[in-house]
């Protein structure tokens, strides 16, 4: 197998006396959509933050195409091609939809390519096209989530990290967001998807990984995990 696009080796992260990640191993191959699952406090968001260099690893390695990112600043990870769509949307509420998207391409050059990607985002999320001049703070929660994803896409990431994109959304909007992610996956975008909605995530993923208490509890093909009712009840707190 080729060198993974992303690999974590024995990654440990601590917040003071609290150990959030306990020596986890993880690989993501080019073109994969990998779902990272687990209950609240399992270490999912910390994993993404460690990849983006928003938190410092206490031990272990984060490898990008086989090269250690240990000394890399956060903004350099964006230039490498790692896009991060954080939990909580974090759109610029007093700026328009269009401005939010344009700011997502801040590090890029080439106006024609940026304009083409802007239209691509509007095609992927038609709700945003209808509201392009509306203030982001006036959008619904689901529309803000779509905007957050589209803004990350405007950076043209090689790997997109997504942190709880379905959190707080109505079922219809969850379906719309997941359909958009499935379309991006079909186009070849590599994604690491943190999600508490295990069923929605595994339905579009290639593989699933389950964190429990900061440790890797289980891994497998998405279809096999989706069919495992005991796993969802034990590790994810779902009633099956």
C-alpha atoms as a PDB file:
ATOM      1  CA  UNK A   1       0.000   0.000   0.000  1.00  0.00           C
ATOM      2  CA  UNK A   2       1.229   3.531  -0.766  1.00  0.00           C
ATOM      3  CA  UNK A   3       2.273   5.970   1.939  1.00  0.00           C
ATOM      4  CA  UNK A   4      -0.908   7.253   3.642  1.00  0.00           C
ATOM      5  CA  UNK A   5      -1.908  10.845   3.022  1.00  0.00           C
ATOM      6  CA  UNK A   6      -2.304  11.191   6.787  1.00  0.00           C
ATOM      7  CA  UNK A   7      -0.997   8.954   9.554  1.00  0.00           C
ATOM      8  CA  UNK A   8      -1.071   9.255  13.334  1.00  0.00           C
ATOM      9  CA  UNK A   9       1.416   7.118  15.231  1.00  0.00           C
ATOM     10  CA  UNK A  10       0.951   6.590  18.972  1.00  0.00           C
ATOM     11  CA  UNK A  11      -0.478  10.093  19.275  1.00  0.00           C
ATOM     12  CA  UNK A  12      -0.941  11.327  22.835  1.00  0.00           C
ATOM     13  CA  UNK A  13      -2.453  14.697  23.765  1.00  0.00           C
ATOM     14  CA  UNK A  14      -2.833  16.118  27.264  1.00  0.00           C
ATOM     15  CA  UNK A  15      -4.640  19.131  28.660  1.00  0.00           C
ATOM     16  CA  UNK A  16      -2.776  19.681  31.899  1.00  0.00           C
ATOM     17  CA  UNK A  17      -3.297  16.579  34.018  1.00  0.00           C
ATOM     18  CA  UNK A  18      -6.025  15.261  31.687  1.00  0.00           C
ATOM     19  CA  UNK A  19      -4.981  12.824  28.962  1.00  0.00           C
ATOM     20  CA  UNK A  20      -7.335  13.341  26.018  1.00  0.00           C
ATOM     21  CA  UNK A  21      -5.683  10.929  23.557  1.00  0.00           C
ATOM     22  CA  UNK A  22      -3.790   7.828  24.616  1.00  0.00           C
ATOM     23  CA  UNK A  23      -1.385   6.674  21.936  1.00  0.00           C
ATOM     24  CA  UNK A  24      -3.805   6.339  19.030  1.00  0.00           C
ATOM     25  CA  UNK A  25      -2.865   5.069  15.564  1.00  0.00           C
ATOM     26  CA  UNK A  26      -4.815   6.199  12.510  1.00  0.00           C
ATOM     27  CA  UNK A  27      -4.344   6.234   8.741  1.00  0.00           C
ATOM     28  CA  UNK A  28      -6.230   7.974   5.963  1.00  0.00           C
ATOM     29  CA  UNK A  29      -5.422   7.086   2.354  1.00  0.00           C
ATOM     30  CA  UNK A  30      -5.803   9.505  -0.545  1.00  0.00           C
ATOM     31  CA  UNK A  31      -9.447   9.562  -1.667  1.00  0.00           C
ATOM     32  CA  UNK A  32     -10.872   7.911   1.461  1.00  0.00           C
ATOM     33  CA  UNK A  33     -13.717   9.117   3.611  1.00  0.00           C
ATOM     34  CA  UNK A  34     -13.026   7.901   7.149  1.00  0.00           C
ATOM     35  CA  UNK A  35     -15.592   8.372   9.941  1.00  0.00           C
ATOM     36  CA  UNK A  36     -14.202   8.976  13.437  1.00  0.00           C
ATOM     37  CA  UNK A  37     -16.899   8.030  15.925  1.00  0.00           C
ATOM     38  CA  UNK A  38     -17.385   7.957  19.675  1.00  0.00           C
ATOM     39  CA  UNK A  39     -19.306   9.442  22.557  1.00  0.00           C
ATOM     40  CA  UNK A  40     -18.808  12.942  23.968  1.00  0.00           C
ATOM     41  CA  UNK A  41     -15.346  13.290  25.483  1.00  0.00           C
ATOM     42  CA  UNK A  42     -13.896  10.371  23.523  1.00  0.00           C
ATOM     43  CA  UNK A  43     -11.190  12.556  21.966  1.00  0.00           C
ATOM     44  CA  UNK A  44     -12.594  13.068  18.470  1.00  0.00           C
ATOM     45  CA  UNK A  45     -12.269  16.854  18.285  1.00  0.00           C
ATOM     46  CA  UNK A  46      -8.859  16.711  19.950  1.00  0.00           C
ATOM     47  CA  UNK A  47      -7.703  14.370  17.192  1.00  0.00           C
ATOM     48  CA  UNK A  48      -8.630  16.903  14.523  1.00  0.00           C
ATOM     49  CA  UNK A  49      -7.075  19.754  16.485  1.00  0.00           C
ATOM     50  CA  UNK A  50      -3.834  17.807  16.808  1.00  0.00           C
ATOM     51  CA  UNK A  51      -3.755  17.208  13.045  1.00  0.00           C
ATOM     52  CA  UNK A  52      -4.267  20.945  12.412  1.00  0.00           C
ATOM     53  CA  UNK A  53      -1.590  21.759  15.014  1.00  0.00           C
ATOM     54  CA  UNK A  54      -4.104  23.668  17.126  1.00  0.00           C
ATOM     55  CA  UNK A  55      -3.001  21.562  20.102  1.00  0.00           C
ATOM     56  CA  UNK A  56       0.452  20.205  20.819  1.00  0.00           C
ATOM     57  CA  UNK A  57       1.053  16.465  20.994  1.00  0.00           C
ATOM     58  CA  UNK A  58       2.632  15.218  24.207  1.00  0.00           C
ATOM     59  CA  UNK A  59       3.972  12.170  22.373  1.00  0.00           C
ATOM     60  CA  UNK A  60       3.678  10.397  19.031  1.00  0.00           C
ATOM     61  CA  UNK A  61       3.648  11.703  15.477  1.00  0.00           C
ATOM     62  CA  UNK A  62       1.349  13.350  12.957  1.00  0.00           C
ATOM     63  CA  UNK A  63       2.626  12.446   9.491  1.00  0.00           C
ATOM     64  CA  UNK A  64       1.560  14.128   6.234  1.00  0.00           C
ATOM     65  CA  UNK A  65       2.626  12.126   3.195  1.00  0.00           C
ATOM     66  CA  UNK A  66       5.166  10.462   5.486  1.00  0.00           C
ATOM     67  CA  UNK A  67       6.656  13.696   6.862  1.00  0.00           C
ATOM     68  CA  UNK A  68       6.328  14.664  10.526  1.00  0.00           C
ATOM     69  CA  UNK A  69       4.363  17.860  11.188  1.00  0.00           C
ATOM     70  CA  UNK A  70       5.751  18.263  14.724  1.00  0.00           C
ATOM     71  CA  UNK A  71       7.368  21.659  14.162  1.00  0.00           C
ATOM     72  CA  UNK A  72       4.801  23.055  11.747  1.00  0.00           C
ATOM     73  CA  UNK A  73       2.703  26.118  12.625  1.00  0.00           C
ATOM     74  CA  UNK A  74      -1.057  25.907  12.165  1.00  0.00           C
ATOM     75  CA  UNK A  75      -1.204  28.245   9.178  1.00  0.00           C
ATOM     76  CA  UNK A  76       1.375  26.086   7.401  1.00  0.00           C
ATOM     77  CA  UNK A  77      -0.915  23.058   7.614  1.00  0.00           C
ATOM     78  CA  UNK A  78      -3.483  25.012   5.581  1.00  0.00           C
ATOM     79  CA  UNK A  79      -0.871  25.671   2.905  1.00  0.00           C
ATOM     80  CA  UNK A  80      -0.063  21.951   2.864  1.00  0.00           C
ATOM     81  CA  UNK A  81      -3.690  21.214   1.981  1.00  0.00           C
ATOM     82  CA  UNK A  82      -5.289  20.403   5.337  1.00  0.00           C
ATOM     83  CA  UNK A  83      -8.656  22.132   5.675  1.00  0.00           C
ATOM     84  CA  UNK A  84     -10.460  22.154   9.030  1.00  0.00           C
ATOM     85  CA  UNK A  85     -14.197  22.770   9.417  1.00  0.00           C
ATOM     86  CA  UNK A  86     -14.539  23.064  13.217  1.00  0.00           C
ATOM     87  CA  UNK A  87     -17.432  22.227  15.476  1.00  0.00           C
ATOM     88  CA  UNK A  88     -19.835  25.109  16.042  1.00  0.00           C
ATOM     89  CA  UNK A  89     -19.733  26.549  12.477  1.00  0.00           C
ATOM     90  CA  UNK A  90     -17.913  29.781  13.477  1.00  0.00           C
ATOM     91  CA  UNK A  91     -19.052  31.783  10.505  1.00  0.00           C
ATOM     92  CA  UNK A  92     -18.442  35.528  10.402  1.00  0.00           C
ATOM     93  CA  UNK A  93     -21.920  36.612  11.433  1.00  0.00           C
ATOM     94  CA  UNK A  94     -21.645  40.260  10.318  1.00  0.00           C
ATOM     95  CA  UNK A  95     -20.287  39.410   6.886  1.00  0.00           C
ATOM     96  CA  UNK A  96     -22.259  38.190   3.906  1.00  0.00           C
ATOM     97  CA  UNK A  97     -22.321  34.626   2.672  1.00  0.00           C
ATOM     98  CA  UNK A  98     -20.223  35.664  -0.330  1.00  0.00           C
ATOM     99  CA  UNK A  99     -17.619  37.391   1.836  1.00  0.00           C
ATOM    100  CA  UNK A 100     -17.343  34.373   4.127  1.00  0.00           C
ATOM    101  CA  UNK A 101     -16.656  32.194   1.107  1.00  0.00           C
ATOM    102  CA  UNK A 102     -14.159  34.603  -0.425  1.00  0.00           C
ATOM    103  CA  UNK A 103     -12.232  34.708   2.856  1.00  0.00           C
ATOM    104  CA  UNK A 104     -11.944  30.932   2.679  1.00  0.00           C
ATOM    105  CA  UNK A 105      -9.733  31.441  -0.390  1.00  0.00           C
ATOM    106  CA  UNK A 106      -7.555  34.079   1.310  1.00  0.00           C
ATOM    107  CA  UNK A 107      -4.290  32.141   0.780  1.00  0.00           C
ATOM    108  CA  UNK A 108      -4.989  31.316  -2.851  1.00  0.00           C
ATOM    109  CA  UNK A 109      -4.060  33.087  -6.062  1.00  0.00           C
ATOM    110  CA  UNK A 110      -5.855  32.975  -9.383  1.00  0.00           C
ATOM    111  CA  UNK A 111      -9.093  34.917  -9.544  1.00  0.00           C
ATOM    112  CA  UNK A 112     -10.640  32.763 -12.260  1.00  0.00           C
ATOM    113  CA  UNK A 113     -10.109  29.549 -10.307  1.00  0.00           C
ATOM    114  CA  UNK A 114     -11.467  31.137  -7.128  1.00  0.00           C
ATOM    115  CA  UNK A 115     -14.554  32.381  -8.983  1.00  0.00           C
ATOM    116  CA  UNK A 116     -15.099  28.902 -10.426  1.00  0.00           C
ATOM    117  CA  UNK A 117     -14.860  27.328  -6.968  1.00  0.00           C
ATOM    118  CA  UNK A 118     -17.306  29.901  -5.614  1.00  0.00           C
ATOM    119  CA  UNK A 119     -19.866  28.818  -8.195  1.00  0.00           C
ATOM    120  CA  UNK A 120     -19.070  25.172  -7.415  1.00  0.00           C
ATOM    121  CA  UNK A 121     -19.921  25.793  -3.752  1.00  0.00           C
ATOM    122  CA  UNK A 122     -23.190  27.469  -4.735  1.00  0.00           C
ATOM    123  CA  UNK A 123     -24.027  24.457  -6.891  1.00  0.00           C
ATOM    124  CA  UNK A 124     -23.224  22.091  -4.041  1.00  0.00           C
ATOM    125  CA  UNK A 125     -25.321  24.124  -1.581  1.00  0.00           C
ATOM    126  CA  UNK A 126     -28.091  25.910  -3.541  1.00  0.00           C
ATOM    127  CA  UNK A 127     -29.422  27.456  -0.328  1.00  0.00           C
ATOM    128  CA  UNK A 128     -26.234  29.535  -0.154  1.00  0.00           C
ATOM    129  CA  UNK A 129     -26.631  30.696  -3.745  1.00  0.00           C
ATOM    130  CA  UNK A 130     -30.060  32.087  -2.883  1.00  0.00           C
ATOM    131  CA  UNK A 131     -28.616  33.907   0.145  1.00  0.00           C
ATOM    132  CA  UNK A 132     -25.219  35.012  -1.134  1.00  0.00           C
ATOM    133  CA  UNK A 133     -25.716  38.658  -0.086  1.00  0.00           C
ATOM    134  CA  UNK A 134     -27.402  37.811   3.224  1.00  0.00           C
ATOM    135  CA  UNK A 135     -25.501  38.226   6.501  1.00  0.00           C
ATOM    136  CA  UNK A 136     -24.225  34.879   7.737  1.00  0.00           C
ATOM    137  CA  UNK A 137     -25.611  35.566  11.196  1.00  0.00           C
ATOM    138  CA  UNK A 138     -29.130  35.619   9.767  1.00  0.00           C
ATOM    139  CA  UNK A 139     -28.885  32.128   8.281  1.00  0.00           C
ATOM    140  CA  UNK A 140     -30.469  29.092   9.892  1.00  0.00           C
ATOM    141  CA  UNK A 141     -28.234  26.661  11.753  1.00  0.00           C
ATOM    142  CA  UNK A 142     -28.227  24.263   8.829  1.00  0.00           C
ATOM    143  CA  UNK A 143     -27.382  27.003   6.354  1.00  0.00           C
ATOM    144  CA  UNK A 144     -24.537  28.183   8.577  1.00  0.00           C
ATOM    145  CA  UNK A 145     -23.178  24.642   8.632  1.00  0.00           C
ATOM    146  CA  UNK A 146     -23.311  24.516   4.833  1.00  0.00           C
ATOM    147  CA  UNK A 147     -21.496  27.854   4.744  1.00  0.00           C
ATOM    148  CA  UNK A 148     -18.791  26.591   7.110  1.00  0.00           C
ATOM    149  CA  UNK A 149     -18.180  23.547   4.902  1.00  0.00           C
ATOM    150  CA  UNK A 150     -18.191  25.625   1.716  1.00  0.00           C
ATOM    151  CA  UNK A 151     -15.760  28.133   3.244  1.00  0.00           C
ATOM    152  CA  UNK A 152     -13.352  25.283   4.036  1.00  0.00           C
ATOM    153  CA  UNK A 153     -13.727  24.007   0.459  1.00  0.00           C
ATOM    154  CA  UNK A 154     -12.738  27.419  -0.905  1.00  0.00           C
ATOM    155  CA  UNK A 155      -9.236  26.750   0.384  1.00  0.00           C
ATOM    156  CA  UNK A 156      -9.014  23.813  -2.065  1.00  0.00           C
ATOM    157  CA  UNK A 157      -7.982  21.279   0.642  1.00  0.00           C
ATOM    158  CA  UNK A 158      -6.436  17.927  -0.168  1.00  0.00           C
ATOM    159  CA  UNK A 159      -7.776  16.639   3.160  1.00  0.00           C
ATOM    160  CA  UNK A 160     -10.913  18.068   4.765  1.00  0.00           C
ATOM    161  CA  UNK A 161     -11.360  17.616   8.512  1.00  0.00           C
ATOM    162  CA  UNK A 162     -15.022  17.912   9.536  1.00  0.00           C
ATOM    163  CA  UNK A 163     -16.039  18.209  13.173  1.00  0.00           C
ATOM    164  CA  UNK A 164     -19.675  17.293  13.918  1.00  0.00           C
ATOM    165  CA  UNK A 165     -21.297  18.767  10.783  1.00  0.00           C
ATOM    166  CA  UNK A 166     -24.722  17.366  11.710  1.00  0.00           C
ATOM    167  CA  UNK A 167     -24.741  18.681  15.281  1.00  0.00           C
ATOM    168  CA  UNK A 168     -28.031  20.381  16.147  1.00  0.00           C
ATOM    169  CA  UNK A 169     -29.539  20.018  12.681  1.00  0.00           C
ATOM    170  CA  UNK A 170     -33.017  18.784  11.785  1.00  0.00           C
ATOM    171  CA  UNK A 171     -33.084  15.390  10.035  1.00  0.00           C
ATOM    172  CA  UNK A 172     -33.818  16.930   6.629  1.00  0.00           C
ATOM    173  CA  UNK A 173     -30.790  19.207   6.867  1.00  0.00           C
ATOM    174  CA  UNK A 174     -28.608  16.347   8.134  1.00  0.00           C
ATOM    175  CA  UNK A 175     -29.543  14.454   4.989  1.00  0.00           C
ATOM    176  CA  UNK A 176     -28.661  17.461   2.796  1.00  0.00           C
ATOM    177  CA  UNK A 177     -25.267  17.925   4.443  1.00  0.00           C
ATOM    178  CA  UNK A 178     -24.414  14.228   4.250  1.00  0.00           C
ATOM    179  CA  UNK A 179     -25.492  14.102   0.588  1.00  0.00           C
ATOM    180  CA  UNK A 180     -23.119  16.990  -0.144  1.00  0.00           C
ATOM    181  CA  UNK A 181     -20.259  15.199   1.627  1.00  0.00           C
ATOM    182  CA  UNK A 182     -21.026  12.022  -0.316  1.00  0.00           C
ATOM    183  CA  UNK A 183     -20.858  14.020  -3.562  1.00  0.00           C
ATOM    184  CA  UNK A 184     -17.490  15.487  -2.563  1.00  0.00           C
ATOM    185  CA  UNK A 185     -16.230  12.006  -1.745  1.00  0.00           C
ATOM    186  CA  UNK A 186     -17.351  10.765  -5.149  1.00  0.00           C
ATOM    187  CA  UNK A 187     -15.305  13.595  -6.701  1.00  0.00           C
ATOM    188  CA  UNK A 188     -12.233  12.245  -4.881  1.00  0.00           C
ATOM    189  CA  UNK A 189     -11.894  14.576  -1.892  1.00  0.00           C
ATOM    190  CA  UNK A 190     -10.247  12.924   1.116  1.00  0.00           C
ATOM    191  CA  UNK A 191     -12.133  13.482   4.375  1.00  0.00           C
ATOM    192  CA  UNK A 192     -11.837  12.642   8.057  1.00  0.00           C
ATOM    193  CA  UNK A 193     -15.337  13.038   9.456  1.00  0.00           C
ATOM    194  CA  UNK A 194     -15.934  13.361  13.206  1.00  0.00           C
ATOM    195  CA  UNK A 195     -19.577  12.591  13.864  1.00  0.00           C
ATOM    196  CA  UNK A 196     -21.842  11.448  16.686  1.00  0.00           C
ATOM    197  CA  UNK A 197     -24.555  10.436  14.234  1.00  0.00           C
ATOM    198  CA  UNK A 198     -22.930   7.068  13.553  1.00  0.00           C
ATOM    199  CA  UNK A 199     -25.513   5.861  11.076  1.00  0.00           C
ATOM    200  CA  UNK A 200     -25.348   8.979   8.891  1.00  0.00           C
ATOM    201  CA  UNK A 201     -21.548   8.942   8.917  1.00  0.00           C
ATOM    202  CA  UNK A 202     -21.093   5.248   8.194  1.00  0.00           C
ATOM    203  CA  UNK A 203     -23.614   5.337   5.355  1.00  0.00           C
ATOM    204  CA  UNK A 204     -21.245   7.569   3.345  1.00  0.00           C
ATOM    205  CA  UNK A 205     -17.841   6.476   4.708  1.00  0.00           C
ATOM    206  CA  UNK A 206     -15.365   3.879   3.479  1.00  0.00           C
ATOM    207  CA  UNK A 207     -14.117   3.007   6.955  1.00  0.00           C
ATOM    208  CA  UNK A 208     -15.038   3.764  10.532  1.00  0.00           C
ATOM    209  CA  UNK A 209     -12.891   4.231  13.630  1.00  0.00           C
ATOM    210  CA  UNK A 210     -14.293   4.295  17.156  1.00  0.00           C
ATOM    211  CA  UNK A 211     -12.658   6.208  20.003  1.00  0.00           C
ATOM    212  CA  UNK A 212     -13.440   5.488  23.634  1.00  0.00           C
ATOM    213  CA  UNK A 213     -11.833   7.407  26.478  1.00  0.00           C
ATOM    214  CA  UNK A 214      -9.052   8.682  24.249  1.00  0.00           C
ATOM    215  CA  UNK A 215      -8.104   5.225  22.945  1.00  0.00           C
ATOM    216  CA  UNK A 216      -8.908   3.462  19.694  1.00  0.00           C
ATOM    217  CA  UNK A 217     -11.603   0.934  20.564  1.00  0.00           C
ATOM    218  CA  UNK A 218     -12.541  -0.454  17.152  1.00  0.00           C
ATOM    219  CA  UNK A 219     -11.932  -0.042  13.426  1.00  0.00           C
ATOM    220  CA  UNK A 220     -13.381  -1.614  10.304  1.00  0.00           C
ATOM    221  CA  UNK A 221     -15.160  -1.208   7.014  1.00  0.00           C
ATOM    222  CA  UNK A 222     -18.102   1.153   7.278  1.00  0.00           C
ATOM    223  CA  UNK A 223     -20.661  -1.426   6.180  1.00  0.00           C
ATOM    224  CA  UNK A 224     -19.567  -3.923   8.809  1.00  0.00           C
ATOM    225  CA  UNK A 225     -19.680  -1.334  11.584  1.00  0.00           C
ATOM    226  CA  UNK A 226     -23.037  -0.043  10.415  1.00  0.00           C
ATOM    227  CA  UNK A 227     -24.468  -3.547  10.719  1.00  0.00           C
ATOM    228  CA  UNK A 228     -23.057  -4.044  14.222  1.00  0.00           C
ATOM    229  CA  UNK A 229     -25.896  -3.018  16.550  1.00  0.00           C
ATOM    230  CA  UNK A 230     -23.893  -4.091  19.587  1.00  0.00           C
ATOM    231  CA  UNK A 231     -21.071  -1.739  18.697  1.00  0.00           C
ATOM    232  CA  UNK A 232     -23.390   1.241  18.433  1.00  0.00           C
ATOM    233  CA  UNK A 233     -25.023   0.423  21.758  1.00  0.00           C
ATOM    234  CA  UNK A 234     -21.712  -0.202  23.566  1.00  0.00           C
ATOM    235  CA  UNK A 235     -19.485   2.558  22.207  1.00  0.00           C
ATOM    236  CA  UNK A 236     -21.838   5.155  20.811  1.00  0.00           C
ATOM    237  CA  UNK A 237     -24.702   5.105  23.269  1.00  0.00           C
ATOM    238  CA  UNK A 238     -27.299   4.352  20.602  1.00  0.00           C
ATOM    239  CA  UNK A 239     -30.415   2.329  21.279  1.00  0.00           C
ATOM    240  CA  UNK A 240     -30.748  -0.190  18.461  1.00  0.00           C
END
